[in-house]
Amino acid sequence: MFRPFTFILGIVLLMLTSTPSWAFTDEPGKEGSFYSPIIRIVPDKGFILINSGSGILWLKASEAAMPHISKLPVGGLIDVVVVFQGKPNPPIIKLWKLASGNSACPEFDGKQCLPAVKKKK
């Protein structure tokens, strides 16, 4: 006998348990990466707001990244690697590579900006 309520409850539980829990981890020192559009940049405080797939997430720039985050375009797609600090602290930006959008700093290697690589025709 088919029970719609049980079926729907099973689907909901499956979806809840498959959410990436690593996006908001308690484990300090763990690395993670996100590919997301940049929603907002607060350069004077050193924060970038992105979409983590399971919600929005504030990322804090490292000391080396602080002078360069103002060069990133809002709305540009960024591939960013972060180091988690544990709740409630925001993840620290380790490096990034801009996938779309114009920037004076399209790639950051953790220490400095790297120039844009020109594509061969």
N, C-alpha and C. Protein backbone atom coordinates (compact mmCIF):
# COMPACT_ATOMS: atom_id res chain seq x y z
N MET A 1 0.84 -1.18 0.00
CA MET A 1 0.00 0.00 0.00
C MET A 1 0.89 1.24 0.00
N PHE A 2 0.61 2.15 -0.88
CA PHE A 2 1.39 3.39 -1.02
C PHE A 2 0.94 4.42 0.01
N ARG A 3 1.87 4.94 0.77
CA ARG A 3 1.56 5.96 1.78
C ARG A 3 2.24 7.26 1.39
N PRO A 4 1.49 8.23 0.87
CA PRO A 4 2.09 9.48 0.39
C PRO A 4 2.82 10.25 1.49
N PHE A 5 2.28 10.27 2.68
CA PHE A 5 2.91 11.03 3.77
C PHE A 5 4.29 10.46 4.09
N THR A 6 4.39 9.15 4.19
CA THR A 6 5.66 8.49 4.49
C THR A 6 6.66 8.72 3.36
N PHE A 7 6.20 8.66 2.13
CA PHE A 7 7.06 8.89 0.97
C PHE A 7 7.61 10.32 0.99
N ILE A 8 6.77 11.30 1.23
CA ILE A 8 7.20 12.71 1.26
C ILE A 8 8.15 12.94 2.43
N LEU A 9 7.85 12.36 3.57
CA LEU A 9 8.73 12.50 4.73
C LEU A 9 10.11 11.90 4.44
N GLY A 10 10.15 10.77 3.77
CA GLY A 10 11.42 10.15 3.39
C GLY A 10 12.23 11.03 2.46
N ILE A 11 11.57 11.63 1.48
CA ILE A 11 12.25 12.54 0.54
C ILE A 11 12.81 13.76 1.28
N VAL A 12 12.03 14.33 2.18
CA VAL A 12 12.48 15.50 2.95
C VAL A 12 13.70 15.15 3.81
N LEU A 13 13.67 14.01 4.48
CA LEU A 13 14.81 13.59 5.30
C LEU A 13 16.05 13.35 4.45
N LEU A 14 15.88 12.78 3.29
CA LEU A 14 17.00 12.56 2.39
C LEU A 14 17.62 13.89 1.96
N MET A 15 16.79 14.86 1.64
CA MET A 15 17.29 16.17 1.22
C MET A 15 18.00 16.88 2.36
N LEU A 16 17.47 16.77 3.56
CA LEU A 16 18.09 17.44 4.70
C LEU A 16 19.45 16.85 5.05
N THR A 17 19.59 15.57 4.93
CA THR A 17 20.86 14.93 5.27
C THR A 17 21.89 15.04 4.16
N SER A 18 21.48 15.37 2.95
CA SER A 18 22.43 15.49 1.85
C SER A 18 22.98 16.90 1.69
N THR A 19 22.53 17.85 2.52
CA THR A 19 23.04 19.21 2.47
C THR A 19 24.50 19.21 2.87
N PRO A 20 25.35 19.92 2.14
CA PRO A 20 26.77 19.92 2.48
C PRO A 20 27.04 20.55 3.84
N SER A 21 27.31 19.73 4.83
CA SER A 21 27.54 20.24 6.18
C SER A 21 28.91 20.88 6.32
N TRP A 22 29.83 20.62 5.37
CA TRP A 22 31.16 21.19 5.46
C TRP A 22 31.16 22.69 5.22
N ALA A 23 30.07 23.23 4.70
CA ALA A 23 30.02 24.67 4.44
C ALA A 23 30.08 25.47 5.73
N PHE A 24 29.59 24.90 6.80
CA PHE A 24 29.61 25.58 8.09
C PHE A 24 30.17 24.61 9.13
N THR A 25 31.45 24.38 9.08
CA THR A 25 32.07 23.37 9.91
C THR A 25 32.56 23.95 11.23
N ASP A 26 32.66 23.09 12.23
CA ASP A 26 33.24 23.46 13.53
C ASP A 26 34.72 23.13 13.59
N GLU A 27 35.23 22.46 12.58
CA GLU A 27 36.60 21.97 12.61
C GLU A 27 37.59 23.04 12.14
N PRO A 28 38.30 23.69 13.06
CA PRO A 28 39.28 24.71 12.67
C PRO A 28 40.43 24.09 11.87
N GLY A 29 40.90 24.84 10.89
CA GLY A 29 42.01 24.39 10.07
C GLY A 29 41.62 23.62 8.83
N LYS A 30 40.38 23.19 8.73
CA LYS A 30 39.92 22.44 7.56
C LYS A 30 39.77 23.39 6.38
N GLU A 31 40.18 22.93 5.20
CA GLU A 31 40.05 23.73 3.98
C GLU A 31 38.79 23.33 3.22
N GLY A 32 38.24 24.28 2.51
CA GLY A 32 37.10 24.05 1.65
C GLY A 32 37.17 25.00 0.48
N SER A 33 36.34 24.77 -0.52
CA SER A 33 36.32 25.67 -1.67
C SER A 33 34.89 25.94 -2.09
N PHE A 34 34.70 27.09 -2.68
CA PHE A 34 33.39 27.50 -3.16
C PHE A 34 33.54 28.12 -4.54
N TYR A 35 32.58 27.87 -5.39
CA TYR A 35 32.50 28.50 -6.72
C TYR A 35 31.18 29.26 -6.71
N SER A 36 31.26 30.58 -6.70
CA SER A 36 30.06 31.37 -6.44
C SER A 36 30.17 32.76 -7.05
N PRO A 37 29.03 33.39 -7.30
CA PRO A 37 29.08 34.82 -7.62
C PRO A 37 29.37 35.63 -6.36
N ILE A 38 30.05 36.73 -6.53
CA ILE A 38 30.31 37.63 -5.42
C ILE A 38 29.07 38.50 -5.23
N ILE A 39 28.47 38.44 -4.06
CA ILE A 39 27.24 39.18 -3.79
C ILE A 39 27.55 40.59 -3.28
N ARG A 40 28.52 40.67 -2.38
CA ARG A 40 28.85 41.96 -1.79
C ARG A 40 30.30 41.94 -1.32
N ILE A 41 30.95 43.11 -1.36
CA ILE A 41 32.31 43.26 -0.88
C ILE A 41 32.34 44.42 0.11
N VAL A 42 32.95 44.20 1.26
CA VAL A 42 33.13 45.26 2.26
C VAL A 42 34.65 45.39 2.46
N PRO A 43 35.32 46.17 1.59
CA PRO A 43 36.78 46.20 1.61
C PRO A 43 37.39 46.79 2.88
N ASP A 44 36.74 47.78 3.49
CA ASP A 44 37.32 48.38 4.69
C ASP A 44 37.30 47.42 5.89
N LYS A 45 36.39 46.47 5.91
CA LYS A 45 36.32 45.47 6.98
C LYS A 45 36.96 44.14 6.56
N GLY A 46 37.18 43.97 5.26
CA GLY A 46 37.82 42.75 4.76
C GLY A 46 36.91 41.57 4.58
N PHE A 47 35.67 41.80 4.15
CA PHE A 47 34.71 40.70 3.99
C PHE A 47 34.17 40.64 2.57
N ILE A 48 33.87 39.41 2.14
CA ILE A 48 33.21 39.13 0.87
C ILE A 48 32.01 38.26 1.18
N LEU A 49 30.87 38.55 0.59
CA LEU A 49 29.65 37.76 0.75
C LEU A 49 29.45 36.94 -0.51
N ILE A 50 29.32 35.60 -0.33
CA ILE A 50 29.10 34.70 -1.46
C ILE A 50 27.91 33.79 -1.16
N ASN A 51 27.51 33.02 -2.17
CA ASN A 51 26.49 32.00 -2.00
C ASN A 51 27.20 30.65 -1.89
N SER A 52 27.02 29.96 -0.77
CA SER A 52 27.73 28.71 -0.54
C SER A 52 26.99 27.48 -1.06
N GLY A 53 25.85 27.64 -1.64
CA GLY A 53 25.05 26.50 -2.08
C GLY A 53 24.01 26.12 -1.06
N SER A 54 24.32 26.30 0.23
CA SER A 54 23.34 26.03 1.27
C SER A 54 22.99 27.31 2.02
N GLY A 55 23.30 28.44 1.43
CA GLY A 55 23.00 29.73 2.03
C GLY A 55 24.11 30.72 1.72
N ILE A 56 23.93 31.94 2.19
CA ILE A 56 24.98 32.93 1.97
C ILE A 56 26.04 32.79 3.05
N LEU A 57 27.25 33.20 2.71
CA LEU A 57 28.38 32.99 3.61
C LEU A 57 29.32 34.19 3.51
N TRP A 58 29.68 34.74 4.66
CA TRP A 58 30.68 35.80 4.73
C TRP A 58 32.05 35.15 4.80
N LEU A 59 32.98 35.63 4.00
CA LEU A 59 34.36 35.19 4.03
C LEU A 59 35.22 36.36 4.46
N LYS A 60 36.20 36.10 5.33
CA LYS A 60 37.09 37.14 5.80
C LYS A 60 38.41 37.03 5.04
N ALA A 61 38.90 38.17 4.59
CA ALA A 61 40.17 38.20 3.86
C ALA A 61 41.33 38.05 4.83
N SER A 62 42.34 37.33 4.41
CA SER A 62 43.57 37.23 5.20
C SER A 62 44.29 38.58 5.12
N GLU A 63 45.31 38.75 5.92
CA GLU A 63 46.08 40.01 5.90
C GLU A 63 46.64 40.28 4.51
N ALA A 64 47.13 39.24 3.84
CA ALA A 64 47.70 39.40 2.51
C ALA A 64 46.63 39.72 1.46
N ALA A 65 45.41 39.22 1.66
CA ALA A 65 44.34 39.42 0.69
C ALA A 65 43.60 40.75 0.87
N MET A 66 43.70 41.33 2.08
CA MET A 66 42.94 42.56 2.39
C MET A 66 43.10 43.68 1.35
N PRO A 67 44.31 44.02 0.91
CA PRO A 67 44.43 45.13 -0.05
C PRO A 67 43.86 44.82 -1.43
N HIS A 68 43.61 43.54 -1.71
CA HIS A 68 43.21 43.15 -3.06
C HIS A 68 41.72 42.88 -3.24
N ILE A 69 40.97 42.72 -2.16
CA ILE A 69 39.55 42.36 -2.33
C ILE A 69 38.73 43.49 -2.93
N SER A 70 39.18 44.73 -2.78
CA SER A 70 38.44 45.84 -3.39
C SER A 70 38.54 45.82 -4.91
N LYS A 71 39.46 45.05 -5.46
CA LYS A 71 39.64 44.94 -6.91
C LYS A 71 38.69 43.92 -7.53
N LEU A 72 38.01 43.14 -6.71
CA LEU A 72 37.10 42.12 -7.22
C LEU A 72 35.77 42.74 -7.64
N PRO A 73 35.15 42.24 -8.71
CA PRO A 73 33.87 42.78 -9.17
C PRO A 73 32.67 42.11 -8.49
N VAL A 74 31.75 42.90 -8.01
CA VAL A 74 30.49 42.36 -7.50
C VAL A 74 29.76 41.74 -8.68
N GLY A 75 29.29 40.52 -8.50
CA GLY A 75 28.60 39.80 -9.57
C GLY A 75 29.53 38.88 -10.35
N GLY A 76 30.83 39.03 -10.18
CA GLY A 76 31.77 38.15 -10.86
C GLY A 76 31.79 36.77 -10.20
N LEU A 77 32.07 35.75 -10.99
CA LEU A 77 32.17 34.39 -10.46
C LEU A 77 33.57 34.16 -9.93
N ILE A 78 33.64 33.65 -8.70
CA ILE A 78 34.92 33.43 -8.06
C ILE A 78 35.03 31.99 -7.59
N ASP A 79 36.21 31.43 -7.78
CA ASP A 79 36.54 30.12 -7.25
C ASP A 79 37.50 30.39 -6.10
N VAL A 80 37.03 30.20 -4.87
CA VAL A 80 37.78 30.61 -3.69
C VAL A 80 38.05 29.42 -2.78
N VAL A 81 39.27 29.36 -2.25
CA VAL A 81 39.64 28.34 -1.27
C VAL A 81 39.74 29.04 0.07
N VAL A 82 39.13 28.45 1.08
CA VAL A 82 39.09 29.06 2.42
C VAL A 82 39.61 28.07 3.47
N VAL A 83 39.99 28.63 4.61
CA VAL A 83 40.36 27.84 5.77
C VAL A 83 39.34 28.15 6.85
N PHE A 84 38.66 27.12 7.35
CA PHE A 84 37.64 27.32 8.36
C PHE A 84 38.28 27.55 9.72
N GLN A 85 37.65 28.42 10.52
CA GLN A 85 38.14 28.75 11.86
C GLN A 85 37.28 28.11 12.94
N GLY A 86 36.16 27.55 12.57
CA GLY A 86 35.22 27.01 13.55
C GLY A 86 34.15 28.04 13.84
N LYS A 87 32.98 27.55 14.21
CA LYS A 87 31.86 28.44 14.50
C LYS A 87 32.17 29.27 15.71
N PRO A 88 31.74 30.48 15.79
CA PRO A 88 30.97 31.31 14.87
C PRO A 88 31.84 32.17 13.95
N ASN A 89 33.15 31.91 13.89
CA ASN A 89 34.06 32.74 13.09
C ASN A 89 33.93 32.43 11.61
N PRO A 90 34.05 33.46 10.77
CA PRO A 90 33.94 33.23 9.32
C PRO A 90 35.20 32.56 8.77
N PRO A 91 35.07 31.84 7.68
CA PRO A 91 36.24 31.25 7.03
C PRO A 91 37.18 32.34 6.52
N ILE A 92 38.48 32.03 6.51
CA ILE A 92 39.51 32.95 6.02
C ILE A 92 39.85 32.59 4.58
N ILE A 93 39.90 33.60 3.72
CA ILE A 93 40.24 33.39 2.32
C ILE A 93 41.72 33.02 2.20
N LYS A 94 41.98 31.89 1.55
CA LYS A 94 43.35 31.45 1.33
C LYS A 94 43.83 31.88 -0.05
N LEU A 95 43.03 31.58 -1.08
CA LEU A 95 43.36 32.01 -2.45
C LEU A 95 42.09 32.05 -3.28
N TRP A 96 42.18 32.71 -4.42
CA TRP A 96 41.03 32.77 -5.32
C TRP A 96 41.48 32.84 -6.76
N LYS A 97 40.53 32.51 -7.63
CA LYS A 97 40.70 32.67 -9.06
C LYS A 97 39.36 33.16 -9.59
N LEU A 98 39.39 34.28 -10.26
CA LEU A 98 38.17 34.87 -10.81
C LEU A 98 37.82 34.16 -12.11
N ALA A 99 36.62 33.60 -12.19
CA ALA A 99 36.18 32.87 -13.37
C ALA A 99 35.51 33.78 -14.40
N SER A 100 34.86 34.84 -13.92
CA SER A 100 34.26 35.80 -14.85
C SER A 100 34.25 37.17 -14.21
N GLY A 101 34.29 38.18 -15.04
CA GLY A 101 34.34 39.55 -14.55
C GLY A 101 35.74 40.12 -14.73
N ASN A 102 35.81 41.44 -14.85
CA ASN A 102 37.09 42.12 -15.02
C ASN A 102 37.62 42.56 -13.68
N SER A 103 38.92 42.35 -13.48
CA SER A 103 39.54 42.71 -12.22
C SER A 103 41.03 42.96 -12.43
N ALA A 104 41.58 43.84 -11.60
CA ALA A 104 43.03 44.06 -11.59
C ALA A 104 43.73 42.93 -10.85
N CYS A 105 42.95 42.11 -10.14
CA CYS A 105 43.51 40.97 -9.40
C CYS A 105 42.66 39.73 -9.69
N PRO A 106 42.78 39.15 -10.89
CA PRO A 106 41.96 38.00 -11.23
C PRO A 106 42.35 36.72 -10.52
N GLU A 107 43.60 36.66 -10.02
CA GLU A 107 44.04 35.47 -9.31
C GLU A 107 44.93 35.89 -8.14
N PHE A 108 44.63 35.30 -6.97
CA PHE A 108 45.40 35.57 -5.76
C PHE A 108 45.93 34.25 -5.25
N ASP A 109 47.24 34.13 -5.08
CA ASP A 109 47.86 32.87 -4.70
C ASP A 109 48.11 32.70 -3.20
N GLY A 110 47.58 33.60 -2.40
CA GLY A 110 47.78 33.54 -0.96
C GLY A 110 48.77 34.57 -0.48
N LYS A 111 49.57 35.11 -1.40
CA LYS A 111 50.56 36.12 -1.06
C LYS A 111 50.44 37.37 -1.89
N GLN A 112 50.13 37.19 -3.19
CA GLN A 112 50.09 38.31 -4.10
C GLN A 112 49.12 38.05 -5.25
N CYS A 113 48.79 39.11 -5.96
CA CYS A 113 47.96 38.97 -7.15
C CYS A 113 48.82 38.50 -8.30
N LEU A 114 48.25 37.65 -9.12
CA LEU A 114 48.94 37.18 -10.30
C LEU A 114 48.28 37.81 -11.51
N PRO A 115 49.05 38.12 -12.54
CA PRO A 115 48.46 38.76 -13.72
C PRO A 115 47.53 37.80 -14.46
N ALA A 116 46.63 38.39 -15.19
CA ALA A 116 45.68 37.58 -15.99
C ALA A 116 46.44 36.84 -17.07
N VAL A 117 46.08 35.58 -17.27
CA VAL A 117 46.70 34.77 -18.30
C VAL A 117 45.97 35.04 -19.61
N LYS A 118 46.74 35.42 -20.64
CA LYS A 118 46.11 35.70 -21.93
C LYS A 118 45.92 34.39 -22.68
N LYS A 119 44.73 34.23 -23.24
CA LYS A 119 44.41 33.02 -23.98
C LYS A 119 44.98 33.11 -25.39
N LYS A 120 45.53 32.00 -25.87
CA LYS A 120 46.05 31.95 -27.22
C LYS A 120 44.91 31.72 -28.20
N LYS A 121 45.01 32.35 -29.36
CA LYS A 121 43.95 32.18 -30.36
C LYS A 121 44.32 31.12 -31.34
